[in-house]
Amino acid sequence: MGVPCHERCAAAAGSEDDGGRDYATRPQLAIAALIHLLSRYPASRKPALAHAIVDHLRMIGDDPRLDPALRDCAAGLIGDWQAYAVLSGDGPALPPRLPC
């Protein structure tokens, strides 16, 4: 994806782009953004929002400046949120269910 993460996050959450976040020097902003995105997902269930959450979980999981427990937690949730993106409509269609 060629669009910077902060722009995808703003678009996915339905908010204006705030000019970017300085995650490189302030990793706690990625955590704050993740919390914001997580709070918006139940109301929208947008695939783009689930993908933005995955992006932030990856950033947090890969950032050696953050506590290992936080990184492990974030990394462990990536698969779940990838599945939520598929379940919310961004992925291969599921085969039709056969009547019982």
N, C-alpha and C. Protein backbone atom coordinates (compact mmCIF):
# COMPACT_ATOMS: atom_id res chain seq x y z
N MET A 1 0.84 -1.17 0.00
CA MET A 1 0.00 0.00 0.00
C MET A 1 0.88 1.23 0.00
N GLY A 2 0.63 2.13 -0.93
CA GLY A 2 1.45 3.31 -1.04
C GLY A 2 1.05 4.46 -0.15
N VAL A 3 -0.10 4.40 0.47
CA VAL A 3 -0.59 5.48 1.32
C VAL A 3 0.02 5.33 2.71
N PRO A 4 0.58 6.42 3.25
CA PRO A 4 1.16 6.33 4.60
C PRO A 4 0.12 5.85 5.61
N CYS A 5 0.59 5.13 6.60
CA CYS A 5 -0.29 4.53 7.60
C CYS A 5 -1.20 5.56 8.26
N HIS A 6 -0.66 6.72 8.63
CA HIS A 6 -1.50 7.68 9.34
C HIS A 6 -2.66 8.16 8.48
N GLU A 7 -2.48 8.21 7.16
CA GLU A 7 -3.56 8.62 6.28
C GLU A 7 -4.61 7.51 6.18
N ARG A 8 -4.16 6.24 6.10
CA ARG A 8 -5.10 5.14 6.05
C ARG A 8 -5.90 5.07 7.35
N CYS A 9 -5.22 5.32 8.47
CA CYS A 9 -5.90 5.28 9.77
C CYS A 9 -6.96 6.35 9.86
N ALA A 10 -6.62 7.55 9.45
CA ALA A 10 -7.58 8.65 9.51
C ALA A 10 -8.77 8.37 8.61
N ALA A 11 -8.50 7.86 7.42
CA ALA A 11 -9.59 7.55 6.49
C ALA A 11 -10.45 6.40 7.02
N ALA A 12 -9.80 5.39 7.56
CA ALA A 12 -10.54 4.23 8.06
C ALA A 12 -11.40 4.60 9.26
N ALA A 13 -10.91 5.48 10.09
CA ALA A 13 -11.66 5.90 11.28
C ALA A 13 -12.68 6.98 10.97
N GLY A 14 -12.64 7.49 9.74
CA GLY A 14 -13.60 8.51 9.35
C GLY A 14 -13.26 9.88 9.87
N SER A 15 -11.98 10.13 10.15
CA SER A 15 -11.59 11.43 10.67
C SER A 15 -10.66 12.13 9.69
N GLU A 16 -10.48 13.39 9.90
CA GLU A 16 -9.58 14.18 9.08
C GLU A 16 -8.14 13.78 9.36
N ASP A 17 -7.29 13.86 8.33
CA ASP A 17 -5.87 13.59 8.53
C ASP A 17 -5.28 14.73 9.34
N ASP A 18 -4.58 14.40 10.40
CA ASP A 18 -4.03 15.43 11.28
C ASP A 18 -2.61 15.83 10.90
N GLY A 19 -2.17 15.46 9.71
CA GLY A 19 -0.83 15.84 9.28
C GLY A 19 0.22 14.80 9.61
N GLY A 20 -0.18 13.68 10.12
CA GLY A 20 0.77 12.61 10.39
C GLY A 20 1.11 12.50 11.85
N ARG A 21 1.65 11.37 12.19
CA ARG A 21 2.08 11.11 13.55
C ARG A 21 3.55 10.77 13.50
N ASP A 22 4.24 11.14 14.52
CA ASP A 22 5.68 10.93 14.57
C ASP A 22 6.00 9.65 15.32
N TYR A 23 5.59 8.51 14.76
CA TYR A 23 5.80 7.22 15.41
C TYR A 23 7.29 6.89 15.56
N ALA A 24 8.10 7.37 14.65
CA ALA A 24 9.53 7.04 14.70
C ALA A 24 10.20 7.56 15.97
N THR A 25 9.77 8.70 16.45
CA THR A 25 10.38 9.26 17.66
C THR A 25 9.49 9.15 18.89
N ARG A 26 8.21 8.87 18.68
CA ARG A 26 7.27 8.76 19.82
C ARG A 26 6.40 7.52 19.63
N PRO A 27 6.94 6.34 19.93
CA PRO A 27 6.19 5.11 19.68
C PRO A 27 4.89 5.01 20.47
N GLN A 28 4.78 5.74 21.56
CA GLN A 28 3.55 5.71 22.33
C GLN A 28 2.37 6.26 21.52
N LEU A 29 2.64 7.05 20.49
CA LEU A 29 1.56 7.55 19.63
C LEU A 29 0.91 6.41 18.86
N ALA A 30 1.69 5.40 18.47
CA ALA A 30 1.13 4.24 17.79
C ALA A 30 0.17 3.50 18.71
N ILE A 31 0.52 3.43 19.99
CA ILE A 31 -0.36 2.78 20.97
C ILE A 31 -1.64 3.59 21.14
N ALA A 32 -1.51 4.89 21.25
CA ALA A 32 -2.69 5.75 21.37
C ALA A 32 -3.58 5.64 20.14
N ALA A 33 -2.98 5.63 18.97
CA ALA A 33 -3.75 5.49 17.73
C ALA A 33 -4.45 4.14 17.68
N LEU A 34 -3.75 3.09 18.11
CA LEU A 34 -4.35 1.75 18.13
C LEU A 34 -5.57 1.73 19.03
N ILE A 35 -5.47 2.31 20.19
CA ILE A 35 -6.61 2.35 21.12
C ILE A 35 -7.78 3.09 20.46
N HIS A 36 -7.49 4.18 19.79
CA HIS A 36 -8.54 4.93 19.09
C HIS A 36 -9.20 4.06 18.01
N LEU A 37 -8.38 3.41 17.21
CA LEU A 37 -8.91 2.56 16.13
C LEU A 37 -9.75 1.42 16.70
N LEU A 38 -9.25 0.79 17.76
CA LEU A 38 -10.00 -0.30 18.38
C LEU A 38 -11.36 0.16 18.89
N SER A 39 -11.42 1.39 19.38
CA SER A 39 -12.69 1.91 19.90
C SER A 39 -13.69 2.20 18.79
N ARG A 40 -13.22 2.40 17.57
CA ARG A 40 -14.11 2.72 16.44
C ARG A 40 -14.60 1.47 15.71
N TYR A 41 -13.87 0.38 15.80
CA TYR A 41 -14.19 -0.80 15.00
C TYR A 41 -15.59 -1.38 15.28
N PRO A 42 -16.02 -1.54 16.52
CA PRO A 42 -17.33 -2.17 16.73
C PRO A 42 -18.49 -1.46 16.03
N ALA A 43 -18.42 -0.15 15.90
CA ALA A 43 -19.50 0.60 15.27
C ALA A 43 -19.47 0.51 13.75
N SER A 44 -18.29 0.32 13.17
CA SER A 44 -18.19 0.37 11.71
C SER A 44 -17.94 -0.97 11.05
N ARG A 45 -17.11 -1.78 11.68
CA ARG A 45 -16.68 -3.08 11.14
C ARG A 45 -16.17 -2.96 9.70
N LYS A 46 -15.50 -1.86 9.43
CA LYS A 46 -14.93 -1.62 8.10
C LYS A 46 -13.63 -2.42 7.93
N PRO A 47 -13.46 -3.09 6.78
CA PRO A 47 -12.21 -3.81 6.54
C PRO A 47 -10.99 -2.89 6.61
N ALA A 48 -11.11 -1.67 6.11
CA ALA A 48 -9.98 -0.74 6.13
C ALA A 48 -9.55 -0.44 7.56
N LEU A 49 -10.51 -0.36 8.44
CA LEU A 49 -10.19 -0.10 9.85
C LEU A 49 -9.49 -1.31 10.46
N ALA A 50 -9.93 -2.51 10.14
CA ALA A 50 -9.26 -3.71 10.64
C ALA A 50 -7.83 -3.78 10.11
N HIS A 51 -7.62 -3.39 8.85
CA HIS A 51 -6.26 -3.37 8.29
C HIS A 51 -5.39 -2.33 8.99
N ALA A 52 -5.96 -1.17 9.30
CA ALA A 52 -5.20 -0.15 10.03
C ALA A 52 -4.81 -0.66 11.41
N ILE A 53 -5.70 -1.40 12.04
CA ILE A 53 -5.39 -1.99 13.35
C ILE A 53 -4.25 -2.99 13.20
N VAL A 54 -4.28 -3.82 12.17
CA VAL A 54 -3.18 -4.77 11.92
C VAL A 54 -1.87 -4.02 11.73
N ASP A 55 -1.90 -2.94 10.95
CA ASP A 55 -0.68 -2.14 10.72
C ASP A 55 -0.11 -1.65 12.05
N HIS A 56 -0.98 -1.15 12.92
CA HIS A 56 -0.51 -0.63 14.20
C HIS A 56 -0.02 -1.75 15.13
N LEU A 57 -0.70 -2.88 15.11
CA LEU A 57 -0.22 -4.01 15.90
C LEU A 57 1.17 -4.45 15.44
N ARG A 58 1.39 -4.43 14.14
CA ARG A 58 2.72 -4.77 13.61
C ARG A 58 3.77 -3.76 14.05
N MET A 59 3.43 -2.48 13.95
CA MET A 59 4.39 -1.45 14.38
C MET A 59 4.76 -1.63 15.84
N ILE A 60 3.76 -1.85 16.66
CA ILE A 60 4.01 -2.02 18.10
C ILE A 60 4.77 -3.32 18.35
N GLY A 61 4.39 -4.38 17.68
CA GLY A 61 5.06 -5.67 17.85
C GLY A 61 6.51 -5.67 17.41
N ASP A 62 6.83 -4.80 16.46
CA ASP A 62 8.19 -4.77 15.91
C ASP A 62 9.08 -3.70 16.53
N ASP A 63 8.56 -2.89 17.43
CA ASP A 63 9.33 -1.76 17.96
C ASP A 63 10.11 -2.18 19.22
N PRO A 64 11.44 -2.30 19.10
CA PRO A 64 12.24 -2.78 20.23
C PRO A 64 12.28 -1.81 21.41
N ARG A 65 11.82 -0.58 21.22
CA ARG A 65 11.81 0.38 22.33
C ARG A 65 10.68 0.12 23.31
N LEU A 66 9.71 -0.63 22.89
CA LEU A 66 8.55 -0.89 23.74
C LEU A 66 8.78 -2.14 24.59
N ASP A 67 8.05 -2.23 25.68
CA ASP A 67 8.16 -3.35 26.61
C ASP A 67 7.87 -4.67 25.88
N PRO A 68 8.66 -5.71 26.16
CA PRO A 68 8.45 -7.00 25.50
C PRO A 68 7.04 -7.57 25.68
N ALA A 69 6.44 -7.38 26.84
CA ALA A 69 5.08 -7.89 27.06
C ALA A 69 4.09 -7.20 26.12
N LEU A 70 4.24 -5.91 25.93
CA LEU A 70 3.39 -5.15 25.03
C LEU A 70 3.60 -5.60 23.58
N ARG A 71 4.87 -5.76 23.21
CA ARG A 71 5.18 -6.22 21.84
C ARG A 71 4.60 -7.61 21.59
N ASP A 72 4.75 -8.52 22.55
CA ASP A 72 4.23 -9.88 22.39
C ASP A 72 2.71 -9.89 22.28
N CYS A 73 2.07 -9.08 23.09
CA CYS A 73 0.62 -8.98 23.04
C CYS A 73 0.16 -8.49 21.67
N ALA A 74 0.77 -7.43 21.19
CA ALA A 74 0.41 -6.87 19.88
C ALA A 74 0.65 -7.90 18.77
N ALA A 75 1.80 -8.54 18.79
CA ALA A 75 2.11 -9.53 17.75
C ALA A 75 1.13 -10.69 17.79
N GLY A 76 0.71 -11.07 18.99
CA GLY A 76 -0.20 -12.19 19.13
C GLY A 76 -1.62 -11.91 18.63
N LEU A 77 -1.97 -10.64 18.48
CA LEU A 77 -3.31 -10.27 18.03
C LEU A 77 -3.42 -10.06 16.53
N ILE A 78 -2.31 -10.06 15.83
CA ILE A 78 -2.32 -9.76 14.39
C ILE A 78 -3.21 -10.73 13.62
N GLY A 79 -3.07 -12.02 13.86
CA GLY A 79 -3.87 -13.01 13.13
C GLY A 79 -5.36 -12.82 13.35
N ASP A 80 -5.76 -12.52 14.57
CA ASP A 80 -7.17 -12.28 14.86
C ASP A 80 -7.70 -11.12 14.04
N TRP A 81 -6.94 -10.02 14.00
CA TRP A 81 -7.42 -8.84 13.28
C TRP A 81 -7.36 -9.01 11.78
N GLN A 82 -6.44 -9.83 11.29
CA GLN A 82 -6.47 -10.16 9.86
C GLN A 82 -7.75 -10.91 9.53
N ALA A 83 -8.14 -11.81 10.42
CA ALA A 83 -9.39 -12.55 10.22
C ALA A 83 -10.60 -11.61 10.27
N TYR A 84 -10.59 -10.65 11.19
CA TYR A 84 -11.70 -9.70 11.26
C TYR A 84 -11.83 -8.91 9.96
N ALA A 85 -10.71 -8.58 9.33
CA ALA A 85 -10.75 -7.87 8.06
C ALA A 85 -11.45 -8.71 7.00
N VAL A 86 -11.15 -10.00 6.98
CA VAL A 86 -11.79 -10.90 6.02
C VAL A 86 -13.28 -11.04 6.35
N LEU A 87 -13.58 -11.23 7.61
CA LEU A 87 -14.98 -11.42 8.02
C LEU A 87 -15.83 -10.18 7.79
N SER A 88 -15.19 -9.01 7.79
CA SER A 88 -15.95 -7.78 7.59
C SER A 88 -16.11 -7.43 6.12
N GLY A 89 -15.66 -8.32 5.24
CA GLY A 89 -15.95 -8.13 3.83
C GLY A 89 -14.75 -7.90 2.94
N ASP A 90 -13.56 -7.95 3.46
CA ASP A 90 -12.37 -7.68 2.65
C ASP A 90 -11.58 -8.97 2.46
N GLY A 91 -12.08 -9.82 1.65
CA GLY A 91 -11.36 -11.06 1.44
C GLY A 91 -12.16 -11.96 0.53
N PRO A 92 -11.67 -13.16 0.36
CA PRO A 92 -12.39 -14.08 -0.51
C PRO A 92 -13.77 -14.38 0.05
N ALA A 93 -14.71 -14.49 -0.86
CA ALA A 93 -16.06 -14.80 -0.44
C ALA A 93 -16.11 -16.21 0.13
N LEU A 94 -16.87 -16.37 1.17
CA LEU A 94 -17.05 -17.69 1.74
C LEU A 94 -18.03 -18.46 0.87
N PRO A 95 -17.87 -19.78 0.77
CA PRO A 95 -18.82 -20.55 -0.03
C PRO A 95 -20.22 -20.48 0.58
N PRO A 96 -21.24 -20.56 -0.26
CA PRO A 96 -22.59 -20.49 0.31
C PRO A 96 -22.85 -21.67 1.24
N ARG A 97 -23.64 -21.43 2.26
CA ARG A 97 -23.98 -22.49 3.21
C ARG A 97 -25.08 -23.36 2.60
N LEU A 98 -24.94 -24.62 2.78
CA LEU A 98 -25.96 -25.55 2.32
C LEU A 98 -27.07 -25.64 3.35
N PRO A 99 -28.31 -25.75 2.89
CA PRO A 99 -29.41 -25.88 3.85
C PRO A 99 -29.27 -27.18 4.64
N CYS A 100 -29.72 -27.17 5.86
CA CYS A 100 -29.63 -28.37 6.72
C CYS A 100 -30.70 -29.37 6.36
